[in-house]
Amino acid sequence: MNLQESIRRILREETKLIPMIRRRVPHDDLEREFEESLDATLNSVFNLKRNGGGVMSLDRFIDITVSTLIDGIHYEIHSTTPEDSVWYADVFNSLKDYYKDRIEVRYKKLMSEI
C-alpha cells in the first residue's frame, strides 16, 4: 500500500467514530468504563425506585449511561483531538448507537426485578 492510499484509509476511518474511539481508548478500558457506567446508572435507578421515586425512562437511562461513559474516557478522547474540535455530540451519538442494545437489555432486566 502506498502512502497516499494509507492516508486516505486513515482519513476514512477517522470519520467513523467507533474505530476512532478504539484507537484512542484500549478495548478493555472502553468495556470496563461501559460496564462501570451501566452499573452506576442501574444503581441510581434502583435507589431512586427504592426511595419512592419514579421510574426513569429507557431513553433517559441510555443518555445517562452514555454520558457517564464519556466522562470515564474523556481524557483519552479530548487529549488526542484538535483543540478547536467539537467532538462530544458525535462521540455521544456513536457510543449511544453502539451500546444501545446492551443498555436496553440491562434496563429491561432491572425493570422486571423492581
PDB file of N, CA and C in Angstrom:
ATOM      1  N   MET A   1       0.856  -1.173   0.000  1.00  0.00           N
ATOM      2  CA  MET A   1       0.000   0.000   0.000  1.00  0.00           C
ATOM      3  C   MET A   1       0.904   1.238   0.000  1.00  0.00           C
ATOM      4  N   ASN A   2       0.634   2.164  -0.900  1.00  0.00           N
ATOM      5  CA  ASN A   2       1.468   3.356  -0.939  1.00  0.00           C
ATOM      6  C   ASN A   2       0.994   4.379   0.093  1.00  0.00           C
ATOM      7  N   LEU A   3       1.760   5.426   0.246  1.00  0.00           N
ATOM      8  CA  LEU A   3       1.489   6.422   1.279  1.00  0.00           C
ATOM      9  C   LEU A   3       0.147   7.114   1.086  1.00  0.00           C
ATOM     10  N   GLN A   4      -0.186   7.481  -0.155  1.00  0.00           N
ATOM     11  CA  GLN A   4      -1.466   8.159  -0.394  1.00  0.00           C
ATOM     12  C   GLN A   4      -2.650   7.265  -0.041  1.00  0.00           C
ATOM     13  N   GLU A   5      -2.555   5.990  -0.387  1.00  0.00           N
ATOM     14  CA  GLU A   5      -3.639   5.062  -0.043  1.00  0.00           C
ATOM     15  C   GLU A   5      -3.760   4.926   1.474  1.00  0.00           C
ATOM     16  N   SER A   6      -2.645   4.881   2.155  1.00  0.00           N
ATOM     17  CA  SER A   6      -2.663   4.782   3.616  1.00  0.00           C
ATOM     18  C   SER A   6      -3.321   6.010   4.236  1.00  0.00           C
ATOM     19  N   ILE A   7      -2.973   7.179   3.720  1.00  0.00           N
ATOM     20  CA  ILE A   7      -3.559   8.418   4.238  1.00  0.00           C
ATOM     21  C   ILE A   7      -5.058   8.439   3.987  1.00  0.00           C
ATOM     22  N   ARG A   8      -5.493   8.053   2.807  1.00  0.00           N
ATOM     23  CA  ARG A   8      -6.934   8.019   2.506  1.00  0.00           C
ATOM     24  C   ARG A   8      -7.668   7.050   3.423  1.00  0.00           C
ATOM     25  N   ARG A   9      -7.078   5.891   3.674  1.00  0.00           N
ATOM     26  CA  ARG A   9      -7.705   4.904   4.554  1.00  0.00           C
ATOM     27  C   ARG A   9      -7.831   5.461   5.968  1.00  0.00           C
ATOM     28  N   ILE A  10      -6.784   6.098   6.448  1.00  0.00           N
ATOM     29  CA  ILE A  10      -6.815   6.686   7.792  1.00  0.00           C
ATOM     30  C   ILE A  10      -7.875   7.776   7.873  1.00  0.00           C
ATOM     31  N   LEU A  11      -7.942   8.631   6.880  1.00  0.00           N
ATOM     32  CA  LEU A  11      -8.949   9.697   6.891  1.00  0.00           C
ATOM     33  C   LEU A  11     -10.359   9.140   6.837  1.00  0.00           C
ATOM     34  N   ARG A  12     -10.582   8.085   6.068  1.00  0.00           N
ATOM     35  CA  ARG A  12     -11.913   7.454   6.026  1.00  0.00           C
ATOM     36  C   ARG A  12     -12.271   6.889   7.392  1.00  0.00           C
ATOM     37  N   GLU A  13     -11.311   6.243   8.049  1.00  0.00           N
ATOM     38  CA  GLU A  13     -11.572   5.668   9.372  1.00  0.00           C
ATOM     39  C   GLU A  13     -11.814   6.748  10.417  1.00  0.00           C
ATOM     40  N   GLU A  14     -11.167   7.896  10.283  1.00  0.00           N
ATOM     41  CA  GLU A  14     -11.359   8.973  11.248  1.00  0.00           C
ATOM     42  C   GLU A  14     -12.793   9.483  11.247  1.00  0.00           C
ATOM     43  N   THR A  15     -13.495   9.321  10.143  1.00  0.00           N
ATOM     44  CA  THR A  15     -14.878   9.774  10.098  1.00  0.00           C
ATOM     45  C   THR A  15     -15.821   8.748  10.714  1.00  0.00           C
ATOM     46  N   LYS A  16     -15.342   7.559  10.964  1.00  0.00           N
ATOM     47  CA  LYS A  16     -16.127   6.535  11.650  1.00  0.00           C
ATOM     48  C   LYS A  16     -15.700   6.583  13.113  1.00  0.00           C
ATOM     49  N   LEU A  17     -16.592   7.015  13.951  1.00  0.00           N
ATOM     50  CA  LEU A  17     -16.185   7.336  15.314  1.00  0.00           C
ATOM     51  C   LEU A  17     -15.818   6.142  16.175  1.00  0.00           C
ATOM     52  N   ILE A  18     -16.498   5.032  16.045  1.00  0.00           N
ATOM     53  CA  ILE A  18     -16.142   3.897  16.900  1.00  0.00           C
ATOM     54  C   ILE A  18     -14.699   3.463  16.643  1.00  0.00           C
ATOM     55  N   PRO A  19     -14.257   3.305  15.386  1.00  0.00           N
ATOM     56  CA  PRO A  19     -12.830   2.996  15.200  1.00  0.00           C
ATOM     57  C   PRO A  19     -11.912   4.096  15.750  1.00  0.00           C
ATOM     58  N   MET A  20     -12.312   5.351  15.595  1.00  0.00           N
ATOM     59  CA  MET A  20     -11.512   6.451  16.123  1.00  0.00           C
ATOM     60  C   MET A  20     -11.415   6.348  17.648  1.00  0.00           C
ATOM     61  N   ILE A  21     -12.524   6.055  18.281  1.00  0.00           N
ATOM     62  CA  ILE A  21     -12.537   5.921  19.738  1.00  0.00           C
ATOM     63  C   ILE A  21     -11.657   4.742  20.153  1.00  0.00           C
ATOM     64  N   ARG A  22     -11.770   3.631  19.440  1.00  0.00           N
ATOM     65  CA  ARG A  22     -10.989   2.441  19.785  1.00  0.00           C
ATOM     66  C   ARG A  22      -9.494   2.641  19.606  1.00  0.00           C
ATOM     67  N   ARG A  23      -9.093   3.521  18.692  1.00  0.00           N
ATOM     68  CA  ARG A  23      -7.669   3.811  18.565  1.00  0.00           C
ATOM     69  C   ARG A  23      -7.171   4.627  19.751  1.00  0.00           C
ATOM     70  N   ARG A  24      -8.034   5.372  20.366  1.00  0.00           N
ATOM     71  CA  ARG A  24      -7.630   6.241  21.470  1.00  0.00           C
ATOM     72  C   ARG A  24      -7.851   5.595  22.842  1.00  0.00           C
ATOM     73  N   VAL A  25      -8.806   4.713  22.921  1.00  0.00           N
ATOM     74  CA  VAL A  25      -9.143   4.057  24.187  1.00  0.00           C
ATOM     75  C   VAL A  25      -9.024   2.549  23.975  1.00  0.00           C
ATOM     76  N   PRO A  26      -8.116   1.888  24.693  1.00  0.00           N
ATOM     77  CA  PRO A  26      -7.993   0.439  24.542  1.00  0.00           C
ATOM     78  C   PRO A  26      -9.340  -0.259  24.782  1.00  0.00           C
ATOM     79  N   HIS A  27      -9.581  -1.325  24.035  1.00  0.00           N
ATOM     80  CA  HIS A  27     -10.861  -2.037  24.092  1.00  0.00           C
ATOM     81  C   HIS A  27     -11.230  -2.428  25.520  1.00  0.00           C
ATOM     82  N   ASP A  28     -10.281  -2.993  26.257  1.00  0.00           N
ATOM     83  CA  ASP A  28     -10.570  -3.413  27.632  1.00  0.00           C
ATOM     84  C   ASP A  28     -10.972  -2.225  28.507  1.00  0.00           C
ATOM     85  N   ASP A  29     -10.316  -1.084  28.301  1.00  0.00           N
ATOM     86  CA  ASP A  29     -10.663   0.114  29.073  1.00  0.00           C
ATOM     87  C   ASP A  29     -12.051   0.622  28.701  1.00  0.00           C
ATOM     88  N   LEU A  30     -12.363   0.604  27.416  1.00  0.00           N
ATOM     89  CA  LEU A  30     -13.685   1.052  26.965  1.00  0.00           C
ATOM     90  C   LEU A  30     -14.769   0.151  27.543  1.00  0.00           C
ATOM     91  N   GLU A  31     -14.569  -1.150  27.489  1.00  0.00           N
ATOM     92  CA  GLU A  31     -15.556  -2.084  28.033  1.00  0.00           C
ATOM     93  C   GLU A  31     -15.698  -1.929  29.546  1.00  0.00           C
ATOM     94  N   ARG A  32     -14.576  -1.750  30.237  1.00  0.00           N
ATOM     95  CA  ARG A  32     -14.627  -1.553  31.695  1.00  0.00           C
ATOM     96  C   ARG A  32     -15.382  -0.276  32.032  1.00  0.00           C
ATOM     97  N   GLU A  33     -15.079   0.791  31.322  1.00  0.00           N
ATOM     98  CA  GLU A  33     -15.784   2.058  31.554  1.00  0.00           C
ATOM     99  C   GLU A  33     -17.266   1.923  31.247  1.00  0.00           C
ATOM    100  N   PHE A  34     -17.597   1.189  30.186  1.00  0.00           N
ATOM    101  CA  PHE A  34     -19.009   0.970  29.853  1.00  0.00           C
ATOM    102  C   PHE A  34     -19.713   0.221  30.981  1.00  0.00           C
ATOM    103  N   GLU A  35     -19.134  -0.866  31.432  1.00  0.00           N
ATOM    104  CA  GLU A  35     -19.756  -1.662  32.495  1.00  0.00           C
ATOM    105  C   GLU A  35     -19.894  -0.849  33.781  1.00  0.00           C
ATOM    106  N   GLU A  36     -18.875  -0.072  34.125  1.00  0.00           N
ATOM    107  CA  GLU A  36     -18.952   0.758  35.319  1.00  0.00           C
ATOM    108  C   GLU A  36     -20.039   1.827  35.177  1.00  0.00           C
ATOM    109  N   SER A  37     -20.155   2.404  33.995  1.00  0.00           N
ATOM    110  CA  SER A  37     -21.191   3.414  33.744  1.00  0.00           C
ATOM    111  C   SER A  37     -22.576   2.801  33.837  1.00  0.00           C
ATOM    112  N   LEU A  38     -22.727   1.640  33.262  1.00  0.00           N
ATOM    113  CA  LEU A  38     -24.010   0.945  33.296  1.00  0.00           C
ATOM    114  C   LEU A  38     -24.377   0.566  34.725  1.00  0.00           C
ATOM    115  N   ASP A  39     -23.424   0.051  35.470  1.00  0.00           N
ATOM    116  CA  ASP A  39     -23.685  -0.312  36.866  1.00  0.00           C
ATOM    117  C   ASP A  39     -24.067   0.912  37.695  1.00  0.00           C
ATOM    118  N   ALA A  40     -23.380   2.027  37.477  1.00  0.00           N
ATOM    119  CA  ALA A  40     -23.694   3.248  38.222  1.00  0.00           C
ATOM    120  C   ALA A  40     -25.106   3.733  37.915  1.00  0.00           C
ATOM    121  N   THR A  41     -25.499   3.675  36.650  1.00  0.00           N
ATOM    122  CA  THR A  41     -26.838   4.116  36.279  1.00  0.00           C
ATOM    123  C   THR A  41     -27.883   3.151  36.827  1.00  0.00           C
ATOM    124  N   LEU A  42     -27.606   1.856  36.773  1.00  0.00           N
ATOM    125  CA  LEU A  42     -28.526   0.870  37.339  1.00  0.00           C
ATOM    126  C   LEU A  42     -28.725   1.117  38.829  1.00  0.00           C
ATOM    127  N   ASN A  43     -27.633   1.383  39.540  1.00  0.00           N
ATOM    128  CA  ASN A  43     -27.732   1.660  40.982  1.00  0.00           C
ATOM    129  C   ASN A  43     -28.557   2.908  41.244  1.00  0.00           C
ATOM    130  N   SER A  44     -28.386   3.924  40.415  1.00  0.00           N
ATOM    131  CA  SER A  44     -29.170   5.154  40.578  1.00  0.00           C
ATOM    132  C   SER A  44     -30.656   4.885  40.413  1.00  0.00           C
ATOM    133  N   VAL A  45     -31.007   4.104  39.389  1.00  0.00           N
ATOM    134  CA  VAL A  45     -32.419   3.783  39.142  1.00  0.00           C
ATOM    135  C   VAL A  45     -32.977   2.962  40.295  1.00  0.00           C
ATOM    136  N   PHE A  46     -32.214   1.989  40.751  1.00  0.00           N
ATOM    137  CA  PHE A  46     -32.657   1.136  41.852  1.00  0.00           C
ATOM    138  C   PHE A  46     -32.871   1.969  43.118  1.00  0.00           C
ATOM    139  N   ASN A  47     -31.913   2.836  43.434  1.00  0.00           N
ATOM    140  CA  ASN A  47     -32.038   3.681  44.634  1.00  0.00           C
ATOM    141  C   ASN A  47     -33.186   4.668  44.505  1.00  0.00           C
ATOM    142  N   LEU A  48     -33.375   5.222  43.339  1.00  0.00           N
ATOM    143  CA  LEU A  48     -34.495   6.146  43.106  1.00  0.00           C
ATOM    144  C   LEU A  48     -35.821   5.437  43.359  1.00  0.00           C
ATOM    145  N   LYS A  49     -35.965   4.263  42.799  1.00  0.00           N
ATOM    146  CA  LYS A  49     -37.206   3.495  42.950  1.00  0.00           C
ATOM    147  C   LYS A  49     -37.406   3.070  44.406  1.00  0.00           C
ATOM    148  N   ARG A  50     -36.333   2.607  45.037  1.00  0.00           N
ATOM    149  CA  ARG A  50     -36.404   2.143  46.423  1.00  0.00           C
ATOM    150  C   ARG A  50     -36.794   3.273  47.368  1.00  0.00           C
ATOM    151  N   ASN A  51     -36.397   4.486  47.041  1.00  0.00           N
ATOM    152  CA  ASN A  51     -36.697   5.629  47.898  1.00  0.00           C
ATOM    153  C   ASN A  51     -37.983   6.340  47.496  1.00  0.00           C
ATOM    154  N   GLY A  52     -38.834   5.654  46.766  1.00  0.00           N
ATOM    155  CA  GLY A  52     -40.141   6.192  46.439  1.00  0.00           C
ATOM    156  C   GLY A  52     -40.181   7.094  45.226  1.00  0.00           C
ATOM    157  N   GLY A  53     -39.090   7.168  44.496  1.00  0.00           N
ATOM    158  CA  GLY A  53     -39.062   7.991  43.287  1.00  0.00           C
ATOM    159  C   GLY A  53     -39.705   7.275  42.121  1.00  0.00           C
ATOM    160  N   GLY A  54     -39.815   7.961  41.032  1.00  0.00           N
ATOM    161  CA  GLY A  54     -40.399   7.387  39.831  1.00  0.00           C
ATOM    162  C   GLY A  54     -39.435   6.472  39.112  1.00  0.00           C
ATOM    163  N   VAL A  55     -39.889   5.965  38.001  1.00  0.00           N
ATOM    164  CA  VAL A  55     -39.070   5.093  37.178  1.00  0.00           C
ATOM    165  C   VAL A  55     -38.488   5.921  36.039  1.00  0.00           C
ATOM    166  N   MET A  56     -37.192   5.804  35.836  1.00  0.00           N
ATOM    167  CA  MET A  56     -36.518   6.521  34.763  1.00  0.00           C
ATOM    168  C   MET A  56     -36.864   5.869  33.428  1.00  0.00           C
ATOM    169  N   SER A  57     -37.117   6.680  32.414  1.00  0.00           N
ATOM    170  CA  SER A  57     -37.437   6.138  31.091  1.00  0.00           C
ATOM    171  C   SER A  57     -36.195   5.492  30.480  1.00  0.00           C
ATOM    172  N   LEU A  58     -36.419   4.603  29.537  1.00  0.00           N
ATOM    173  CA  LEU A  58     -35.311   3.937  28.853  1.00  0.00           C
ATOM    174  C   LEU A  58     -34.422   4.962  28.148  1.00  0.00           C
ATOM    175  N   ASP A  59     -35.008   5.926  27.463  1.00  0.00           N
ATOM    176  CA  ASP A  59     -34.207   6.930  26.755  1.00  0.00           C
ATOM    177  C   ASP A  59     -33.309   7.710  27.708  1.00  0.00           C
ATOM    178  N   ARG A  60     -33.857   8.093  28.834  1.00  0.00           N
ATOM    179  CA  ARG A  60     -33.065   8.828  29.839  1.00  0.00           C
ATOM    180  C   ARG A  60     -31.976   7.935  30.412  1.00  0.00           C
ATOM    181  N   PHE A  61     -32.298   6.684  30.648  1.00  0.00           N
ATOM    182  CA  PHE A  61     -31.340   5.711  31.165  1.00  0.00           C
ATOM    183  C   PHE A  61     -30.163   5.556  30.198  1.00  0.00           C
ATOM    184  N   ILE A  62     -30.460   5.446  28.915  1.00  0.00           N
ATOM    185  CA  ILE A  62     -29.412   5.319  27.900  1.00  0.00           C
ATOM    186  C   ILE A  62     -28.550   6.577  27.893  1.00  0.00           C
ATOM    187  N   ASP A  63     -29.180   7.747  27.891  1.00  0.00           N
ATOM    188  CA  ASP A  63     -28.434   9.004  27.850  1.00  0.00           C
ATOM    189  C   ASP A  63     -27.502   9.152  29.052  1.00  0.00           C
ATOM    190  N   ILE A  64     -27.973   8.809  30.232  1.00  0.00           N
ATOM    191  CA  ILE A  64     -27.142   8.934  31.437  1.00  0.00           C
ATOM    192  C   ILE A  64     -25.982   7.946  31.390  1.00  0.00           C
ATOM    193  N   THR A  65     -26.250   6.726  30.953  1.00  0.00           N
ATOM    194  CA  THR A  65     -25.192   5.719  30.871  1.00  0.00           C
ATOM    195  C   THR A  65     -24.102   6.165  29.901  1.00  0.00           C
ATOM    196  N   VAL A  66     -24.490   6.639  28.728  1.00  0.00           N
ATOM    197  CA  VAL A  66     -23.511   7.064  27.727  1.00  0.00           C
ATOM    198  C   VAL A  66     -22.761   8.307  28.195  1.00  0.00           C
ATOM    199  N   SER A  67     -23.451   9.229  28.813  1.00  0.00           N
ATOM    200  CA  SER A  67     -22.797  10.423  29.335  1.00  0.00           C
ATOM    201  C   SER A  67     -21.762  10.063  30.396  1.00  0.00           C
ATOM    202  N   THR A  68     -22.107   9.142  31.268  1.00  0.00           N
ATOM    203  CA  THR A  68     -21.171   8.681  32.293  1.00  0.00           C
ATOM    204  C   THR A  68     -19.976   7.975  31.653  1.00  0.00           C
ATOM    205  N   LEU A  69     -20.234   7.193  30.615  1.00  0.00           N
ATOM    206  CA  LEU A  69     -19.156   6.525  29.888  1.00  0.00           C
ATOM    207  C   LEU A  69     -18.193   7.559  29.306  1.00  0.00           C
ATOM    208  N   ILE A  70     -18.728   8.588  28.691  1.00  0.00           N
ATOM    209  CA  ILE A  70     -17.871   9.625  28.114  1.00  0.00           C
ATOM    210  C   ILE A  70     -17.052  10.311  29.202  1.00  0.00           C
ATOM    211  N   ASP A  71     -17.641  10.518  30.369  1.00  0.00           N
ATOM    212  CA  ASP A  71     -16.875  11.092  31.483  1.00  0.00           C
ATOM    213  C   ASP A  71     -15.649  10.228  31.788  1.00  0.00           C
ATOM    214  N   GLY A  72     -15.822   8.909  31.693  1.00  0.00           N
ATOM    215  CA  GLY A  72     -14.724   7.986  32.004  1.00  0.00           C
ATOM    216  C   GLY A  72     -13.626   7.958  30.955  1.00  0.00           C
ATOM    217  N   ILE A  73     -13.961   8.233  29.702  1.00  0.00           N
ATOM    218  CA  ILE A  73     -12.952   8.182  28.632  1.00  0.00           C
ATOM    219  C   ILE A  73     -12.622   9.574  28.102  1.00  0.00           C
ATOM    220  N   HIS A  74     -13.138  10.592  28.761  1.00  0.00           N
ATOM    221  CA  HIS A  74     -12.987  11.974  28.300  1.00  0.00           C
ATOM    222  C   HIS A  74     -11.526  12.337  28.020  1.00  0.00           C
ATOM    223  N   TYR A  75     -10.632  12.023  28.925  1.00  0.00           N
ATOM    224  CA  TYR A  75      -9.244  12.429  28.753  1.00  0.00           C
ATOM    225  C   TYR A  75      -8.644  11.838  27.482  1.00  0.00           C
ATOM    226  N   GLU A  76      -8.865  10.537  27.240  1.00  0.00           N
ATOM    227  CA  GLU A  76      -8.287   9.893  26.071  1.00  0.00           C
ATOM    228  C   GLU A  76      -8.814  10.502  24.774  1.00  0.00           C
ATOM    229  N   ILE A  77     -10.085  10.852  24.749  1.00  0.00           N
ATOM    230  CA  ILE A  77     -10.669  11.439  23.541  1.00  0.00           C
ATOM    231  C   ILE A  77     -10.222  12.892  23.406  1.00  0.00           C
ATOM    232  N   HIS A  78     -10.429  13.667  24.439  1.00  0.00           N
ATOM    233  CA  HIS A  78     -10.153  15.107  24.379  1.00  0.00           C
ATOM    234  C   HIS A  78      -8.671  15.396  24.149  1.00  0.00           C
ATOM    235  N   SER A  79      -7.804  14.653  24.783  1.00  0.00           N
ATOM    236  CA  SER A  79      -6.366  14.945  24.688  1.00  0.00           C
ATOM    237  C   SER A  79      -5.786  14.583  23.327  1.00  0.00           C
ATOM    238  N   THR A  80      -6.514  13.828  22.508  1.00  0.00           N
ATOM    239  CA  THR A  80      -5.983  13.404  21.206  1.00  0.00           C
ATOM    240  C   THR A  80      -6.761  14.001  20.041  1.00  0.00           C
ATOM    241  N   THR A  81      -7.629  14.956  20.293  1.00  0.00           N
ATOM    242  CA  THR A  81      -8.361  15.622  19.214  1.00  0.00           C
ATOM    243  C   THR A  81      -7.883  17.068  19.111  1.00  0.00           C
ATOM    244  N   PRO A  82      -8.029  17.659  17.939  1.00  0.00           N
ATOM    245  CA  PRO A  82      -7.612  19.059  17.802  1.00  0.00           C
ATOM    246  C   PRO A  82      -8.324  19.950  18.815  1.00  0.00           C
ATOM    247  N   GLU A  83      -7.622  20.958  19.282  1.00  0.00           N
ATOM    248  CA  GLU A  83      -8.145  21.800  20.350  1.00  0.00           C
ATOM    249  C   GLU A  83      -9.455  22.492  19.991  1.00  0.00           C
ATOM    250  N   ASP A  84      -9.645  22.816  18.734  1.00  0.00           N
ATOM    251  CA  ASP A  84     -10.852  23.532  18.338  1.00  0.00           C
ATOM    252  C   ASP A  84     -11.988  22.606  17.899  1.00  0.00           C
ATOM    253  N   SER A  85     -11.788  21.300  18.047  1.00  0.00           N
ATOM    254  CA  SER A  85     -12.820  20.373  17.577  1.00  0.00           C
ATOM    255  C   SER A  85     -13.988  20.297  18.546  1.00  0.00           C
ATOM    256  N   VAL A  86     -15.145  20.055  17.986  1.00  0.00           N
ATOM    257  CA  VAL A  86     -16.358  19.846  18.760  1.00  0.00           C
ATOM    258  C   VAL A  86     -16.702  18.375  18.577  1.00  0.00           C
ATOM    259  N   TRP A  87     -16.369  17.579  19.557  1.00  0.00           N
ATOM    260  CA  TRP A  87     -16.462  16.130  19.386  1.00  0.00           C
ATOM    261  C   TRP A  87     -17.519  15.482  20.258  1.00  0.00           C
ATOM    262  N   TYR A  88     -17.974  16.125  21.309  1.00  0.00           N
ATOM    263  CA  TYR A  88     -18.824  15.466  22.299  1.00  0.00           C
ATOM    264  C   TYR A  88     -20.091  14.876  21.682  1.00  0.00           C
ATOM    265  N   ALA A  89     -20.833  15.655  20.918  1.00  0.00           N
ATOM    266  CA  ALA A  89     -22.107  15.174  20.364  1.00  0.00           C
ATOM    267  C   ALA A  89     -21.901  13.993  19.432  1.00  0.00           C
ATOM    268  N   ASP A  90     -20.866  14.056  18.608  1.00  0.00           N
ATOM    269  CA  ASP A  90     -20.607  12.948  17.683  1.00  0.00           C
ATOM    270  C   ASP A  90     -20.205  11.680  18.430  1.00  0.00           C
ATOM    271  N   VAL A  91     -19.338  11.828  19.414  1.00  0.00           N
ATOM    272  CA  VAL A  91     -18.920  10.674  20.208  1.00  0.00           C
ATOM    273  C   VAL A  91     -20.117  10.126  20.982  1.00  0.00           C
ATOM    274  N   PHE A  92     -20.910  11.013  21.574  1.00  0.00           N
ATOM    275  CA  PHE A  92     -22.098  10.603  22.321  1.00  0.00           C
ATOM    276  C   PHE A  92     -23.029   9.768  21.432  1.00  0.00           C
ATOM    277  N   ASN A  93     -23.343  10.280  20.253  1.00  0.00           N
ATOM    278  CA  ASN A  93     -24.269   9.571  19.358  1.00  0.00           C
ATOM    279  C   ASN A  93     -23.694   8.249  18.868  1.00  0.00           C
ATOM    280  N   SER A  94     -22.406   8.207  18.596  1.00  0.00           N
ATOM    281  CA  SER A  94     -21.785   6.955  18.156  1.00  0.00           C
ATOM    282  C   SER A  94     -21.809   5.903  19.260  1.00  0.00           C
ATOM    283  N   LEU A  95     -21.441   6.309  20.472  1.00  0.00           N
ATOM    284  CA  LEU A  95     -21.461   5.361  21.589  1.00  0.00           C
ATOM    285  C   LEU A  95     -22.888   4.934  21.920  1.00  0.00           C
ATOM    286  N   LYS A  96     -23.820   5.849  21.816  1.00  0.00           N
ATOM    287  CA  LYS A  96     -25.225   5.526  22.067  1.00  0.00           C
ATOM    288  C   LYS A  96     -25.701   4.462  21.075  1.00  0.00           C
ATOM    289  N   ASP A  97     -25.408   4.646  19.816  1.00  0.00           N
ATOM    290  CA  ASP A  97     -25.786   3.654  18.808  1.00  0.00           C
ATOM    291  C   ASP A  97     -25.087   2.316  19.049  1.00  0.00           C
ATOM    292  N   TYR A  98     -23.821   2.391  19.421  1.00  0.00           N
ATOM    293  CA  TYR A  98     -23.019   1.187  19.608  1.00  0.00           C
ATOM    294  C   TYR A  98     -23.482   0.354  20.802  1.00  0.00           C
ATOM    295  N   TYR A  99     -23.819   1.013  21.907  1.00  0.00           N
ATOM    296  CA  TYR A  99     -24.163   0.313  23.148  1.00  0.00           C
ATOM    297  C   TYR A  99     -25.658   0.228  23.440  1.00  0.00           C
ATOM    298  N   LYS A 100     -26.484   0.833  22.622  1.00  0.00           N
ATOM    299  CA  LYS A 100     -27.912   0.943  22.915  1.00  0.00           C
ATOM    300  C   LYS A 100     -28.572  -0.403  23.222  1.00  0.00           C
ATOM    301  N   ASP A 101     -28.313  -1.419  22.423  1.00  0.00           N
ATOM    302  CA  ASP A 101     -28.951  -2.715  22.640  1.00  0.00           C
ATOM    303  C   ASP A 101     -28.536  -3.335  23.967  1.00  0.00           C
ATOM    304  N   ARG A 102     -27.268  -3.259  24.305  1.00  0.00           N
ATOM    305  CA  ARG A 102     -26.802  -3.828  25.571  1.00  0.00           C
ATOM    306  C   ARG A 102     -27.393  -3.079  26.761  1.00  0.00           C
ATOM    307  N   ILE A 103     -27.488  -1.766  26.644  1.00  0.00           N
ATOM    308  CA  ILE A 103     -28.070  -0.969  27.724  1.00  0.00           C
ATOM    309  C   ILE A 103     -29.544  -1.328  27.885  1.00  0.00           C
ATOM    310  N   GLU A 104     -30.242  -1.443  26.778  1.00  0.00           N
ATOM    311  CA  GLU A 104     -31.673  -1.753  26.829  1.00  0.00           C
ATOM    312  C   GLU A 104     -31.934  -3.105  27.484  1.00  0.00           C
ATOM    313  N   VAL A 105     -31.112  -4.096  27.200  1.00  0.00           N
ATOM    314  CA  VAL A 105     -31.274  -5.421  27.811  1.00  0.00           C
ATOM    315  C   VAL A 105     -31.146  -5.325  29.327  1.00  0.00           C
ATOM    316  N   ARG A 106     -30.127  -4.599  29.803  1.00  0.00           N
ATOM    317  CA  ARG A 106     -29.940  -4.471  31.255  1.00  0.00           C
ATOM    318  C   ARG A 106     -31.057  -3.656  31.893  1.00  0.00           C
ATOM    319  N   TYR A 107     -31.533  -2.635  31.198  1.00  0.00           N
ATOM    320  CA  TYR A 107     -32.630  -1.818  31.710  1.00  0.00           C
ATOM    321  C   TYR A 107     -33.887  -2.672  31.879  1.00  0.00           C
ATOM    322  N   LYS A 108     -34.222  -3.430  30.865  1.00  0.00           N
ATOM    323  CA  LYS A 108     -35.425  -4.269  30.929  1.00  0.00           C
ATOM    324  C   LYS A 108     -35.306  -5.318  32.018  1.00  0.00           C
ATOM    325  N   LYS A 109     -34.121  -5.863  32.192  1.00  0.00           N
ATOM    326  CA  LYS A 109     -33.902  -6.853  33.263  1.00  0.00           C
ATOM    327  C   LYS A 109     -34.131  -6.194  34.618  1.00  0.00           C
ATOM    328  N   LEU A 110     -33.573  -5.007  34.809  1.00  0.00           N
ATOM    329  CA  LEU A 110     -33.759  -4.295  36.084  1.00  0.00           C
ATOM    330  C   LEU A 110     -35.234  -3.986  36.315  1.00  0.00           C
ATOM    331  N   MET A 111     -35.929  -3.514  35.306  1.00  0.00           N
ATOM    332  CA  MET A 111     -37.335  -3.163  35.459  1.00  0.00           C
ATOM    333  C   MET A 111     -38.182  -4.395  35.818  1.00  0.00           C
ATOM    334  N   SER A 112     -37.778  -5.553  35.343  1.00  0.00           N
ATOM    335  CA  SER A 112     -38.528  -6.766  35.680  1.00  0.00           C
ATOM    336  C   SER A 112     -38.267  -7.220  37.119  1.00  0.00           C
ATOM    337  N   GLU A 113     -37.161  -6.737  37.695  1.00  0.00           N
ATOM    338  CA  GLU A 113     -36.787  -7.142  39.051  1.00  0.00           C
ATOM    339  C   GLU A 113     -37.282  -6.168  40.124  1.00  0.00           C
ATOM    340  N   ILE A 114     -37.619  -4.938  39.756  1.00  0.00           N
ATOM    341  CA  ILE A 114     -38.034  -3.969  40.783  1.00  0.00           C
ATOM    342  C   ILE A 114     -39.506  -3.682  40.696  1.00  0.00           C
TER     343      ILE A 114
END
